[in-house]
PDB file of N, CA and C in Angstrom:
ATOM      1  N   MET A   1       0.831  -1.183   0.000  1.00  0.00           N
ATOM      2  CA  MET A   1       0.000   0.000   0.000  1.00  0.00           C
ATOM      3  C   MET A   1       0.882   1.256   0.000  1.00  0.00           C
ATOM      4  N   ARG A   2       1.936   1.227   0.797  1.00  0.00           N
ATOM      5  CA  ARG A   2       2.822   2.395   0.879  1.00  0.00           C
ATOM      6  C   ARG A   2       3.385   2.746  -0.503  1.00  0.00           C
ATOM      7  N   GLU A   3       3.792   1.723  -1.255  1.00  0.00           N
ATOM      8  CA  GLU A   3       4.329   1.941  -2.597  1.00  0.00           C
ATOM      9  C   GLU A   3       3.308   2.636  -3.503  1.00  0.00           C
ATOM     10  N   ILE A   4       2.051   2.240  -3.381  1.00  0.00           N
ATOM     11  CA  ILE A   4       0.987   2.849  -4.197  1.00  0.00           C
ATOM     12  C   ILE A   4       0.824   4.323  -3.841  1.00  0.00           C
ATOM     13  N   VAL A   5       0.765   4.620  -2.557  1.00  0.00           N
ATOM     14  CA  VAL A   5       0.596   6.008  -2.123  1.00  0.00           C
ATOM     15  C   VAL A   5       1.787   6.859  -2.550  1.00  0.00           C
ATOM     16  N   GLU A   6       2.993   6.330  -2.388  1.00  0.00           N
ATOM     17  CA  GLU A   6       4.182   7.084  -2.788  1.00  0.00           C
ATOM     18  C   GLU A   6       4.199   7.333  -4.295  1.00  0.00           C
ATOM     19  N   ARG A   7       3.789   6.353  -5.067  1.00  0.00           N
ATOM     20  CA  ARG A   7       3.750   6.525  -6.532  1.00  0.00           C
ATOM     21  C   ARG A   7       2.754   7.616  -6.915  1.00  0.00           C
ATOM     22  N   LEU A   8       1.563   7.603  -6.313  1.00  0.00           N
ATOM     23  CA  LEU A   8       0.565   8.638  -6.615  1.00  0.00           C
ATOM     24  C   LEU A   8       1.040  10.023  -6.185  1.00  0.00           C
ATOM     25  N   ALA A   9       1.673  10.100  -5.034  1.00  0.00           N
ATOM     26  CA  ALA A   9       2.173  11.385  -4.545  1.00  0.00           C
ATOM     27  C   ALA A   9       3.253  11.944  -5.463  1.00  0.00           C
ATOM     28  N   ALA A  10       3.957  11.081  -6.163  1.00  0.00           N
ATOM     29  CA  ALA A  10       5.039  11.526  -7.041  1.00  0.00           C
ATOM     30  C   ALA A  10       4.543  11.983  -8.424  1.00  0.00           C
ATOM     31  N   TRP A  11       3.257  11.737  -8.740  1.00  0.00           N
ATOM     32  CA  TRP A  11       2.734  12.165 -10.041  1.00  0.00           C
ATOM     33  C   TRP A  11       2.830  13.681 -10.136  1.00  0.00           C
ATOM     34  N   PRO A  12       3.228  14.210 -11.310  1.00  0.00           N
ATOM     35  CA  PRO A  12       3.454  15.655 -11.446  1.00  0.00           C
ATOM     36  C   PRO A  12       2.250  16.517 -11.079  1.00  0.00           C
ATOM     37  N   ASN A  13       1.089  16.188 -11.577  1.00  0.00           N
ATOM     38  CA  ASN A  13      -0.103  16.995 -11.326  1.00  0.00           C
ATOM     39  C   ASN A  13      -1.304  16.122 -11.632  1.00  0.00           C
ATOM     40  N   ARG A  14      -2.202  15.995 -10.655  1.00  0.00           N
ATOM     41  CA  ARG A  14      -3.391  15.167 -10.864  1.00  0.00           C
ATOM     42  C   ARG A  14      -4.645  16.021 -10.924  1.00  0.00           C
ATOM     43  N   HIS A  15      -4.500  17.269 -11.350  1.00  0.00           N
ATOM     44  CA  HIS A  15      -5.668  18.145 -11.483  1.00  0.00           C
ATOM     45  C   HIS A  15      -6.697  17.463 -12.364  1.00  0.00           C
ATOM     46  N   SER A  16      -7.944  17.557 -12.002  1.00  0.00           N
ATOM     47  CA  SER A  16      -9.022  16.833 -12.680  1.00  0.00           C
ATOM     48  C   SER A  16      -9.031  16.987 -14.191  1.00  0.00           C
ATOM     49  N   GLY A  17      -8.661  18.147 -14.692  1.00  0.00           N
ATOM     50  CA  GLY A  17      -8.724  18.376 -16.126  1.00  0.00           C
ATOM     51  C   GLY A  17      -7.447  18.065 -16.871  1.00  0.00           C
ATOM     52  N   GLY A  18      -6.418  17.630 -16.168  1.00  0.00           N
ATOM     53  CA  GLY A  18      -5.126  17.413 -16.804  1.00  0.00           C
ATOM     54  C   GLY A  18      -4.913  15.982 -17.263  1.00  0.00           C
ATOM     55  N   HIS A  19      -3.981  15.794 -18.185  1.00  0.00           N
ATOM     56  CA  HIS A  19      -3.722  14.459 -18.700  1.00  0.00           C
ATOM     57  C   HIS A  19      -3.074  13.552 -17.653  1.00  0.00           C
ATOM     58  N   HIS A  20      -2.412  14.142 -16.670  1.00  0.00           N
ATOM     59  CA  HIS A  20      -1.808  13.319 -15.619  1.00  0.00           C
ATOM     60  C   HIS A  20      -2.882  12.638 -14.773  1.00  0.00           C
ATOM     61  N   ALA A  21      -4.041  13.263 -14.644  1.00  0.00           N
ATOM     62  CA  ALA A  21      -5.124  12.650 -13.871  1.00  0.00           C
ATOM     63  C   ALA A  21      -5.601  11.377 -14.558  1.00  0.00           C
ATOM     64  N   ILE A  22      -5.680  11.397 -15.871  1.00  0.00           N
ATOM     65  CA  ILE A  22      -6.096  10.203 -16.614  1.00  0.00           C
ATOM     66  C   ILE A  22      -5.043   9.112 -16.469  1.00  0.00           C
ATOM     67  N   GLU A  23      -3.768   9.490 -16.588  1.00  0.00           N
ATOM     68  CA  GLU A  23      -2.690   8.514 -16.406  1.00  0.00           C
ATOM     69  C   GLU A  23      -2.750   7.898 -15.009  1.00  0.00           C
ATOM     70  N   ALA A  24      -2.972   8.721 -14.001  1.00  0.00           N
ATOM     71  CA  ALA A  24      -3.044   8.226 -12.627  1.00  0.00           C
ATOM     72  C   ALA A  24      -4.241   7.295 -12.453  1.00  0.00           C
ATOM     73  N   ALA A  25      -5.388   7.652 -13.018  1.00  0.00           N
ATOM     74  CA  ALA A  25      -6.583   6.800 -12.920  1.00  0.00           C
ATOM     75  C   ALA A  25      -6.337   5.456 -13.587  1.00  0.00           C
ATOM     76  N   GLU A  26      -5.718   5.462 -14.749  1.00  0.00           N
ATOM     77  CA  GLU A  26      -5.417   4.206 -15.449  1.00  0.00           C
ATOM     78  C   GLU A  26      -4.433   3.360 -14.652  1.00  0.00           C
ATOM     79  N   TRP A  27      -3.458   4.013 -14.027  1.00  0.00           N
ATOM     80  CA  TRP A  27      -2.475   3.296 -13.223  1.00  0.00           C
ATOM     81  C   TRP A  27      -3.149   2.651 -12.008  1.00  0.00           C
ATOM     82  N   ILE A  28      -4.006   3.412 -11.334  1.00  0.00           N
ATOM     83  CA  ILE A  28      -4.731   2.876 -10.173  1.00  0.00           C
ATOM     84  C   ILE A  28      -5.600   1.696 -10.597  1.00  0.00           C
ATOM     85  N   ALA A  29      -6.314   1.856 -11.702  1.00  0.00           N
ATOM     86  CA  ALA A  29      -7.177   0.771 -12.194  1.00  0.00           C
ATOM     87  C   ALA A  29      -6.359  -0.488 -12.477  1.00  0.00           C
ATOM     88  N   ALA A  30      -5.203  -0.323 -13.077  1.00  0.00           N
ATOM     89  CA  ALA A  30      -4.347  -1.477 -13.375  1.00  0.00           C
ATOM     90  C   ALA A  30      -3.900  -2.178 -12.088  1.00  0.00           C
ATOM     91  N   ARG A  31      -3.554  -1.406 -11.055  1.00  0.00           N
ATOM     92  CA  ARG A  31      -3.147  -2.015  -9.790  1.00  0.00           C
ATOM     93  C   ARG A  31      -4.322  -2.769  -9.167  1.00  0.00           C
ATOM     94  N   LEU A  32      -5.501  -2.187  -9.210  1.00  0.00           N
ATOM     95  CA  LEU A  32      -6.674  -2.844  -8.622  1.00  0.00           C
ATOM     96  C   LEU A  32      -7.035  -4.114  -9.380  1.00  0.00           C
ATOM     97  N   ARG A  33      -6.829  -4.127 -10.692  1.00  0.00           N
ATOM     98  CA  ARG A  33      -7.133  -5.324 -11.493  1.00  0.00           C
ATOM     99  C   ARG A  33      -6.217  -6.493 -11.131  1.00  0.00           C
ATOM    100  N   GLU A  34      -5.111  -6.212 -10.474  1.00  0.00           N
ATOM    101  CA  GLU A  34      -4.201  -7.272 -10.033  1.00  0.00           C
ATOM    102  C   GLU A  34      -4.759  -8.050  -8.843  1.00  0.00           C
ATOM    103  N   ILE A  35      -5.776  -7.521  -8.188  1.00  0.00           N
ATOM    104  CA  ILE A  35      -6.386  -8.172  -7.028  1.00  0.00           C
ATOM    105  C   ILE A  35      -7.386  -9.204  -7.544  1.00  0.00           C
ATOM    106  N   PRO A  36      -7.214 -10.476  -7.193  1.00  0.00           N
ATOM    107  CA  PRO A  36      -8.114 -11.520  -7.690  1.00  0.00           C
ATOM    108  C   PRO A  36      -9.588 -11.222  -7.363  1.00  0.00           C
ATOM    109  N   GLY A  37     -10.426 -11.316  -8.385  1.00  0.00           N
ATOM    110  CA  GLY A  37     -11.859 -11.117  -8.215  1.00  0.00           C
ATOM    111  C   GLY A  37     -12.321  -9.667  -8.270  1.00  0.00           C
ATOM    112  N   MET A  38     -11.386  -8.731  -8.287  1.00  0.00           N
ATOM    113  CA  MET A  38     -11.757  -7.307  -8.282  1.00  0.00           C
ATOM    114  C   MET A  38     -12.330  -6.917  -9.639  1.00  0.00           C
ATOM    115  N   ARG A  39     -13.462  -6.247  -9.608  1.00  0.00           N
ATOM    116  CA  ARG A  39     -14.058  -5.684 -10.820  1.00  0.00           C
ATOM    117  C   ARG A  39     -13.748  -4.195 -10.827  1.00  0.00           C
ATOM    118  N   VAL A  40     -13.180  -3.725 -11.918  1.00  0.00           N
ATOM    119  CA  VAL A  40     -12.716  -2.342 -11.989  1.00  0.00           C
ATOM    120  C   VAL A  40     -13.289  -1.669 -13.230  1.00  0.00           C
ATOM    121  N   ALA A  41     -13.764  -0.451 -13.039  1.00  0.00           N
ATOM    122  CA  ALA A  41     -14.282   0.327 -14.165  1.00  0.00           C
ATOM    123  C   ALA A  41     -13.745   1.750 -14.073  1.00  0.00           C
ATOM    124  N   LEU A  42     -13.451   2.331 -15.225  1.00  0.00           N
ATOM    125  CA  LEU A  42     -13.129   3.754 -15.327  1.00  0.00           C
ATOM    126  C   LEU A  42     -14.389   4.422 -15.850  1.00  0.00           C
ATOM    127  N   LEU A  43     -15.026   5.206 -15.019  1.00  0.00           N
ATOM    128  CA  LEU A  43     -16.281   5.846 -15.397  1.00  0.00           C
ATOM    129  C   LEU A  43     -16.028   7.291 -15.806  1.00  0.00           C
ATOM    130  N   PRO A  44     -16.435   7.657 -17.029  1.00  0.00           N
ATOM    131  CA  PRO A  44     -16.251   9.043 -17.452  1.00  0.00           C
ATOM    132  C   PRO A  44     -17.207   9.970 -16.699  1.00  0.00           C
ATOM    133  N   VAL A  45     -16.701  11.130 -16.353  1.00  0.00           N
ATOM    134  CA  VAL A  45     -17.486  12.149 -15.643  1.00  0.00           C
ATOM    135  C   VAL A  45     -17.256  13.481 -16.351  1.00  0.00           C
ATOM    136  N   GLU A  46     -18.345  14.158 -16.700  1.00  0.00           N
ATOM    137  CA  GLU A  46     -18.204  15.478 -17.329  1.00  0.00           C
ATOM    138  C   GLU A  46     -17.840  16.499 -16.258  1.00  0.00           C
ATOM    139  N   LEU A  47     -16.778  17.227 -16.507  1.00  0.00           N
ATOM    140  CA  LEU A  47     -16.318  18.279 -15.600  1.00  0.00           C
ATOM    141  C   LEU A  47     -16.624  19.617 -16.264  1.00  0.00           C
ATOM    142  N   PRO A  48     -17.623  20.323 -15.771  1.00  0.00           N
ATOM    143  CA  PRO A  48     -18.044  21.558 -16.428  1.00  0.00           C
ATOM    144  C   PRO A  48     -17.039  22.694 -16.256  1.00  0.00           C
ATOM    145  N   GLU A  49     -17.064  23.592 -17.201  1.00  0.00           N
ATOM    146  CA  GLU A  49     -16.232  24.797 -17.117  1.00  0.00           C
ATOM    147  C   GLU A  49     -16.565  25.549 -15.838  1.00  0.00           C
ATOM    148  N   GLY A  50     -15.545  26.087 -15.219  1.00  0.00           N
ATOM    149  CA  GLY A  50     -15.757  26.835 -13.981  1.00  0.00           C
ATOM    150  C   GLY A  50     -14.478  27.528 -13.560  1.00  0.00           C
ATOM    151  N   PRO A  51     -14.430  28.039 -12.340  1.00  0.00           N
ATOM    152  CA  PRO A  51     -13.263  28.782 -11.878  1.00  0.00           C
ATOM    153  C   PRO A  51     -11.954  27.999 -11.966  1.00  0.00           C
ATOM    154  N   ARG A  52     -12.017  26.698 -11.739  1.00  0.00           N
ATOM    155  CA  ARG A  52     -10.796  25.882 -11.776  1.00  0.00           C
ATOM    156  C   ARG A  52     -10.677  25.047 -13.043  1.00  0.00           C
ATOM    157  N   MET A  53     -11.670  25.151 -13.920  1.00  0.00           N
ATOM    158  CA  MET A  53     -11.689  24.353 -15.135  1.00  0.00           C
ATOM    159  C   MET A  53     -11.901  25.296 -16.321  1.00  0.00           C
ATOM    160  N   PRO A  54     -10.869  25.520 -17.137  1.00  0.00           N
ATOM    161  CA  PRO A  54     -10.974  26.506 -18.215  1.00  0.00           C
ATOM    162  C   PRO A  54     -12.002  26.146 -19.293  1.00  0.00           C
ATOM    163  N   ARG A  55     -12.290  24.856 -19.437  1.00  0.00           N
ATOM    164  CA  ARG A  55     -13.291  24.430 -20.416  1.00  0.00           C
ATOM    165  C   ARG A  55     -13.888  23.111 -19.929  1.00  0.00           C
ATOM    166  N   THR A  56     -15.061  22.794 -20.409  1.00  0.00           N
ATOM    167  CA  THR A  56     -15.679  21.520 -20.071  1.00  0.00           C
ATOM    168  C   THR A  56     -14.804  20.398 -20.616  1.00  0.00           C
ATOM    169  N   THR A  57     -14.571  19.400 -19.785  1.00  0.00           N
ATOM    170  CA  THR A  57     -13.730  18.275 -20.182  1.00  0.00           C
ATOM    171  C   THR A  57     -14.253  17.003 -19.528  1.00  0.00           C
ATOM    172  N   THR A  58     -13.679  15.892 -19.870  1.00  0.00           N
ATOM    173  CA  THR A  58     -14.070  14.621 -19.290  1.00  0.00           C
ATOM    174  C   THR A  58     -12.995  14.152 -18.322  1.00  0.00           C
ATOM    175  N   GLY A  59     -13.418  13.812 -17.133  1.00  0.00           N
ATOM    176  CA  GLY A  59     -12.537  13.208 -16.152  1.00  0.00           C
ATOM    177  C   GLY A  59     -12.973  11.763 -15.944  1.00  0.00           C
ATOM    178  N   PHE A  60     -12.274  11.054 -15.078  1.00  0.00           N
ATOM    179  CA  PHE A  60     -12.607   9.649 -14.851  1.00  0.00           C
ATOM    180  C   PHE A  60     -12.579   9.323 -13.379  1.00  0.00           C
ATOM    181  N   GLN A  61     -13.537   8.518 -12.966  1.00  0.00           N
ATOM    182  CA  GLN A  61     -13.552   7.952 -11.616  1.00  0.00           C
ATOM    183  C   GLN A  61     -13.169   6.495 -11.737  1.00  0.00           C
ATOM    184  N   VAL A  62     -12.388   6.014 -10.790  1.00  0.00           N
ATOM    185  CA  VAL A  62     -12.054   4.600 -10.735  1.00  0.00           C
ATOM    186  C   VAL A  62     -12.980   3.972  -9.696  1.00  0.00           C
ATOM    187  N   VAL A  63     -13.731   2.960 -10.126  1.00  0.00           N
ATOM    188  CA  VAL A  63     -14.640   2.260  -9.238  1.00  0.00           C
ATOM    189  C   VAL A  63     -14.229   0.801  -9.208  1.00  0.00           C
ATOM    190  N   ALA A  64     -13.973   0.293  -8.007  1.00  0.00           N
ATOM    191  CA  ALA A  64     -13.559  -1.096  -7.856  1.00  0.00           C
ATOM    192  C   ALA A  64     -14.483  -1.772  -6.838  1.00  0.00           C
ATOM    193  N   THR A  65     -14.930  -2.975  -7.184  1.00  0.00           N
ATOM    194  CA  THR A  65     -15.811  -3.716  -6.295  1.00  0.00           C
ATOM    195  C   THR A  65     -15.399  -5.179  -6.261  1.00  0.00           C
ATOM    196  N   LEU A  66     -15.654  -5.784  -5.141  1.00  0.00           N
ATOM    197  CA  LEU A  66     -15.499  -7.230  -5.011  1.00  0.00           C
ATOM    198  C   LEU A  66     -16.900  -7.833  -4.991  1.00  0.00           C
ATOM    199  N   PRO A  67     -17.119  -8.881  -5.770  1.00  0.00           N
ATOM    200  CA  PRO A  67     -18.470  -9.496  -5.804  1.00  0.00           C
ATOM    201  C   PRO A  67     -18.820 -10.143  -4.484  1.00  0.00           C
TER     202      PRO A  67
END
């Protein structure tokens, strides 16, 4: 677990609208898929334009469940 947290903390920028956030989400999903029986999905989420988001973009949530 410590290795996972340290790897995420080392990512350059995980701002919701940035490409690093997508890379981080994909990396997390890949680690979770290594757990036997884990079901993992990357769910797209629309992030509307606002004070911290220069334009509407798509972000991703990682959802993992055990049956």
